[in-house]
Amino acid sequence: MSIIQYIRKNEKQLAILIDPDKMNWYKNFDDLIKRINLLKPDFIFVGGSTVDKEEFQKCCELLSEKANSKVVIFPGAHNQISEKAEGILFLSLLSGRNPDYLIGHQVQAAPNLKKTSLEIIPTAYLLIDGGKPSSVSYVSQTSPIPNDQITIAVNTAMAGEMMGNKIVFMDAGSGATQRVGSEMISQVKKNISIPLIIGGGVRTIDDLDGCYNAGADLVVIGNKIEEDEDFLLDLINYFNKKESIRSIESY
């Protein structure tokens, strides 16, 4: 089953985001991956706004060796490509108007991607205000959609689908102090027929539950894991309880 087929078929999925630029590989990587493997997330996303090519490749190689989940590239630039991953979110930053991130990096990446076996997933990427400036906003030199401007988010997401994108990804950015609002998630989900990914600012189990209940198909958690690896244990307990409830309901 392809990555996009899997996302379409399954509900309430989880991705753990690893930014190679923020990890201390030699001290905590093995322990982190062991915990992630216990959690069994649907995906591990890898990428970052400022990571260099060598560090990115090293990260993908280690993940391919040690991680049990599918590794999907969440690129911050055109050179973040690795055959060690299984797929790549081919992002177009539709919330901004910087041509480099609308089409420029994509054009630069295309010849190299054509030579790989990566599953390429066209993705409408919307940056949403997460309460503080994000690295994505700074590097891309674009302004996020305000969290209360629901109509703008809905219209942008619909345009992304009409342009042929297979996924909409709304991201509050790394280190966000607030996640994408439930009403915005709900309204966007009602107006598109493709999967919806939510990332940024998901720092508690209540945040995660709120995203799912509002309509998110897949939630990405990254910064919280970097700050507190024990949060992975909270996630394990959360999904174990969900699985137990589903088992009882289906009995």
Protein backbone atom coordinates (compact mmCIF):
# COMPACT_ATOMS: atom_id res chain seq x y z
CA MET A 1 0.00 0.00 0.00
CA SER A 2 1.35 3.41 -0.93
CA ILE A 3 1.81 6.16 1.65
CA ILE A 4 -1.02 8.25 0.25
CA GLN A 5 -3.34 5.22 0.14
CA TYR A 6 -2.50 4.48 3.76
CA ILE A 7 -3.24 8.03 4.85
CA ARG A 8 -6.55 8.01 2.99
CA LYS A 9 -7.61 4.69 4.46
CA ASN A 10 -6.69 5.05 8.12
CA GLU A 11 -7.94 7.46 10.77
CA LYS A 12 -6.21 9.32 13.58
CA GLN A 13 -2.66 8.76 12.44
CA LEU A 14 0.51 10.06 14.06
CA ALA A 15 3.88 11.19 12.74
CA ILE A 16 6.92 12.00 14.83
CA LEU A 17 9.04 14.77 13.33
CA ILE A 18 12.81 14.57 13.68
CA ASP A 19 14.86 17.63 12.76
CA PRO A 20 18.48 16.49 12.21
CA ASP A 21 19.72 19.97 13.08
CA LYS A 22 18.29 19.77 16.62
CA MET A 23 19.27 16.26 17.70
CA ASN A 24 22.30 15.18 19.69
CA TRP A 25 22.83 11.96 17.79
CA TYR A 26 25.62 10.46 19.84
CA LYS A 27 23.94 10.73 23.24
CA ASN A 28 20.24 10.09 22.86
CA PHE A 29 19.42 8.86 19.35
CA ASP A 30 19.29 5.13 20.12
CA ASP A 31 17.12 5.66 23.18
CA LEU A 32 14.83 8.00 21.26
CA ILE A 33 14.33 5.50 18.46
CA LYS A 34 13.65 2.67 20.91
CA ARG A 35 10.85 4.76 22.44
CA ILE A 36 9.51 5.73 19.04
CA ASN A 37 9.47 2.06 18.05
CA LEU A 38 7.48 1.27 21.18
CA LEU A 39 5.01 4.00 20.24
CA LYS A 40 4.68 2.60 16.69
CA PRO A 41 3.74 5.88 14.96
CA ASP A 42 2.45 5.61 11.44
CA PHE A 43 5.33 7.70 10.12
CA ILE A 44 8.56 9.40 11.04
CA PHE A 45 8.90 12.71 9.23
CA VAL A 46 12.45 14.00 8.81
CA GLY A 47 13.55 17.47 7.76
CA GLY A 48 14.20 21.02 8.91
CA SER A 49 14.48 24.59 7.76
CA THR A 50 18.24 24.96 8.25
CA VAL A 51 19.74 21.44 8.30
CA ASP A 52 22.67 20.84 5.96
CA LYS A 53 22.79 18.07 3.36
CA GLU A 54 25.36 15.90 5.15
CA GLU A 55 23.51 15.91 8.47
CA PHE A 56 20.24 15.21 6.68
CA GLN A 57 21.66 12.19 4.88
CA LYS A 58 23.16 10.86 8.09
CA CYS A 59 19.81 11.15 9.84
CA CYS A 60 17.93 9.31 7.07
CA GLU A 61 20.49 6.51 7.05
CA LEU A 62 20.24 5.99 10.80
CA LEU A 63 16.45 6.05 10.71
CA SER A 64 16.34 3.50 7.88
CA GLU A 65 18.53 1.18 9.96
CA LYS A 66 16.86 1.55 13.35
CA ALA A 67 13.28 2.81 12.99
CA ASN A 68 10.30 0.52 12.37
CA SER A 69 7.98 3.23 10.99
CA LYS A 70 7.87 4.52 7.44
CA VAL A 71 10.31 7.43 6.97
CA VAL A 72 8.89 10.35 4.99
CA ILE A 73 10.86 13.47 4.07
CA PHE A 74 9.35 16.77 5.21
CA PRO A 75 11.80 18.98 3.30
CA GLY A 76 12.93 22.45 4.20
CA ALA A 77 14.91 22.89 0.99
CA HIS A 78 15.46 21.30 -2.42
CA ASN A 79 18.57 19.37 -1.35
CA GLN A 80 16.79 17.38 1.38
CA ILE A 81 16.41 14.19 -0.63
CA SER A 82 17.47 10.68 0.37
CA GLU A 83 16.86 7.21 -1.06
CA LYS A 84 16.87 5.93 2.52
CA ALA A 85 13.36 7.35 2.99
CA GLU A 86 10.19 5.86 1.51
CA GLY A 87 8.47 9.04 0.41
CA ILE A 88 8.61 12.82 0.31
CA LEU A 89 6.01 15.51 0.88
CA PHE A 90 6.44 17.64 -2.25
CA LEU A 91 5.52 20.88 -0.53
CA SER A 92 4.25 24.08 -2.07
CA LEU A 93 3.96 26.91 0.46
CA LEU A 94 0.58 28.28 -0.65
CA SER A 95 0.07 30.53 2.38
CA GLY A 96 2.98 32.73 1.27
CA ARG A 97 3.85 34.52 -1.92
CA ASN A 98 7.56 33.78 -2.10
CA PRO A 99 8.11 32.13 -5.52
CA ASP A 100 11.11 30.18 -4.21
CA TYR A 101 8.83 28.19 -1.92
CA LEU A 102 5.84 28.12 -4.25
CA ILE A 103 7.78 26.58 -7.17
CA GLY A 104 11.50 27.46 -7.06
CA HIS A 105 12.76 24.69 -4.77
CA GLN A 106 10.44 22.24 -6.48
CA VAL A 107 12.01 22.96 -9.88
CA GLN A 108 15.50 22.51 -8.41
CA ALA A 109 14.53 19.24 -6.73
CA ALA A 110 12.65 17.71 -9.68
CA PRO A 111 15.63 16.31 -11.68
CA ASN A 112 17.05 14.55 -8.63
CA LEU A 113 13.64 13.29 -7.46
CA LYS A 114 13.01 11.85 -10.93
CA LYS A 115 15.99 9.52 -10.44
CA THR A 116 14.77 8.14 -7.11
CA SER A 117 12.19 5.55 -6.12
CA LEU A 118 10.65 7.87 -3.52
CA GLU A 119 6.88 8.16 -3.44
CA ILE A 120 6.28 11.81 -4.27
CA ILE A 121 3.23 13.29 -2.56
CA PRO A 122 2.13 16.75 -3.80
CA THR A 123 1.25 18.67 -0.66
CA ALA A 124 -0.43 22.06 -0.17
CA TYR A 125 1.50 23.55 2.74
CA LEU A 126 -0.18 26.26 4.81
CA LEU A 127 1.73 28.04 7.54
CA ILE A 128 -0.59 29.13 10.36
CA ASP A 129 0.28 31.64 13.09
CA GLY A 130 1.39 29.64 16.13
CA GLY A 131 1.81 32.53 18.53
CA LYS A 132 5.51 33.20 17.84
CA PRO A 133 7.71 33.63 14.76
CA SER A 134 8.73 30.25 13.34
CA SER A 135 11.88 29.19 11.54
CA VAL A 136 9.79 28.36 8.46
CA SER A 137 8.36 31.87 8.37
CA TYR A 138 11.82 33.40 8.80
CA VAL A 139 13.59 31.23 6.23
CA SER A 140 10.79 31.44 3.64
CA GLN A 141 10.25 35.16 4.30
CA THR A 142 6.47 34.66 4.33
CA SER A 143 3.76 35.61 6.80
CA PRO A 144 1.57 32.88 8.30
CA ILE A 145 -2.21 32.92 8.04
CA PRO A 146 -3.61 34.41 11.29
CA ASN A 147 -5.21 31.73 13.47
CA ASP A 148 -8.57 33.53 13.39
CA GLN A 149 -8.68 33.98 9.62
CA ILE A 150 -10.58 30.78 8.95
CA THR A 151 -11.97 31.81 5.56
CA ILE A 152 -8.48 32.50 4.20
CA ALA A 153 -7.30 29.07 5.37
CA VAL A 154 -10.34 27.33 3.89
CA ASN A 155 -10.03 29.09 0.53
CA THR A 156 -6.29 28.41 0.36
CA ALA A 157 -6.80 24.72 1.19
CA MET A 158 -9.53 24.40 -1.45
CA ALA A 159 -7.28 26.04 -4.03
CA GLY A 160 -4.53 23.60 -3.10
CA GLU A 161 -6.80 20.65 -3.73
CA MET A 162 -8.03 22.12 -7.04
CA MET A 163 -4.39 22.49 -8.13
CA GLY A 164 -3.97 18.74 -7.78
CA ASN A 165 -2.34 18.40 -4.38
CA LYS A 166 -3.03 15.08 -2.63
CA ILE A 167 -2.75 16.39 0.95
CA VAL A 168 -3.27 19.65 2.85
CA PHE A 169 -0.76 20.28 5.64
CA MET A 170 -1.52 23.12 8.09
CA ASP A 171 1.49 23.87 10.28
CA ALA A 172 1.83 26.28 13.19
CA GLY A 173 5.61 25.86 12.96
CA SER A 174 8.38 24.60 15.17
CA GLY A 175 8.18 25.86 18.75
CA ALA A 176 4.66 27.23 18.34
CA THR A 177 2.97 28.26 21.58
CA GLN A 178 -0.46 27.40 20.21
CA ARG A 179 -1.67 24.80 17.76
CA VAL A 180 -3.92 25.33 14.75
CA GLY A 181 -7.37 26.13 16.14
CA SER A 182 -10.08 23.48 16.22
CA GLU A 183 -12.56 25.64 14.31
CA MET A 184 -10.04 26.23 11.53
CA ILE A 185 -9.28 22.50 11.34
CA SER A 186 -12.98 21.65 11.27
CA GLN A 187 -13.88 24.15 8.56
CA VAL A 188 -10.96 23.22 6.32
CA LYS A 189 -11.76 19.52 6.68
CA LYS A 190 -15.41 20.14 5.71
CA ASN A 191 -14.38 21.87 2.51
CA ILE A 192 -11.76 19.48 1.12
CA SER A 193 -11.91 15.82 0.12
CA ILE A 194 -8.21 15.02 0.60
CA PRO A 195 -6.40 14.14 3.87
CA LEU A 196 -5.57 16.89 6.35
CA ILE A 197 -2.30 16.96 8.30
CA ILE A 198 -1.88 19.20 11.34
CA GLY A 199 1.48 20.09 12.91
CA GLY A 200 3.04 22.60 15.28
CA GLY A 201 2.06 23.53 18.82
CA VAL A 202 0.77 20.07 19.78
CA ARG A 203 2.23 19.87 23.25
CA THR A 204 -0.29 17.91 25.31
CA ILE A 205 -2.58 14.91 24.96
CA ASP A 206 -5.52 17.33 25.02
CA ASP A 207 -3.98 19.16 22.04
CA LEU A 208 -3.68 15.88 20.17
CA ASP A 209 -7.23 14.85 21.01
CA GLY A 210 -8.51 18.28 20.00
CA CYS A 211 -6.89 18.01 16.56
CA TYR A 212 -8.35 14.56 15.94
CA ASN A 213 -11.81 15.54 17.15
CA ALA A 214 -11.78 18.60 14.88
CA GLY A 215 -11.03 16.48 11.81
CA ALA A 216 -7.27 16.00 11.47
CA ASP A 217 -6.37 12.76 9.68
CA LEU A 218 -2.73 12.86 10.76
CA VAL A 219 -1.04 14.88 13.53
CA VAL A 220 2.67 15.66 13.58
CA ILE A 221 4.54 16.07 16.87
CA GLY A 222 8.14 17.27 16.89
CA ASN A 223 9.25 20.08 19.18
CA LYS A 224 7.66 18.59 22.28
CA ILE A 225 9.60 15.35 21.74
CA GLU A 226 12.84 17.32 21.44
CA GLU A 227 12.15 19.01 24.79
CA ASP A 228 10.69 16.04 26.68
CA GLU A 229 11.28 12.50 25.40
CA ASP A 230 9.07 11.21 28.25
CA PHE A 231 6.13 12.64 26.32
CA LEU A 232 6.53 9.60 24.08
CA LEU A 233 5.42 7.48 27.05
CA ASP A 234 2.29 9.62 27.40
CA LEU A 235 1.58 9.04 23.71
CA ILE A 236 2.05 5.29 24.11
CA ASN A 237 -0.48 5.24 26.95
CA TYR A 238 -2.90 7.39 24.94
CA PHE A 239 -2.88 5.11 21.89
CA ASN A 240 -2.99 1.95 24.01
CA LYS A 241 -6.17 3.24 25.65
CA LYS A 242 -7.63 4.10 22.24
CA GLU A 243 -6.87 0.59 21.00
CA SER A 244 -8.47 -0.96 24.07
CA ILE A 245 -11.63 1.08 23.55
CA ARG A 246 -11.82 0.06 19.88
CA SER A 247 -11.37 -3.59 20.85
CA ILE A 248 -14.23 -3.40 23.38
CA GLU A 249 -16.50 -1.59 20.90
CA SER A 250 -15.88 -4.18 18.19
CA TYR A 251 -16.41 -7.15 20.52
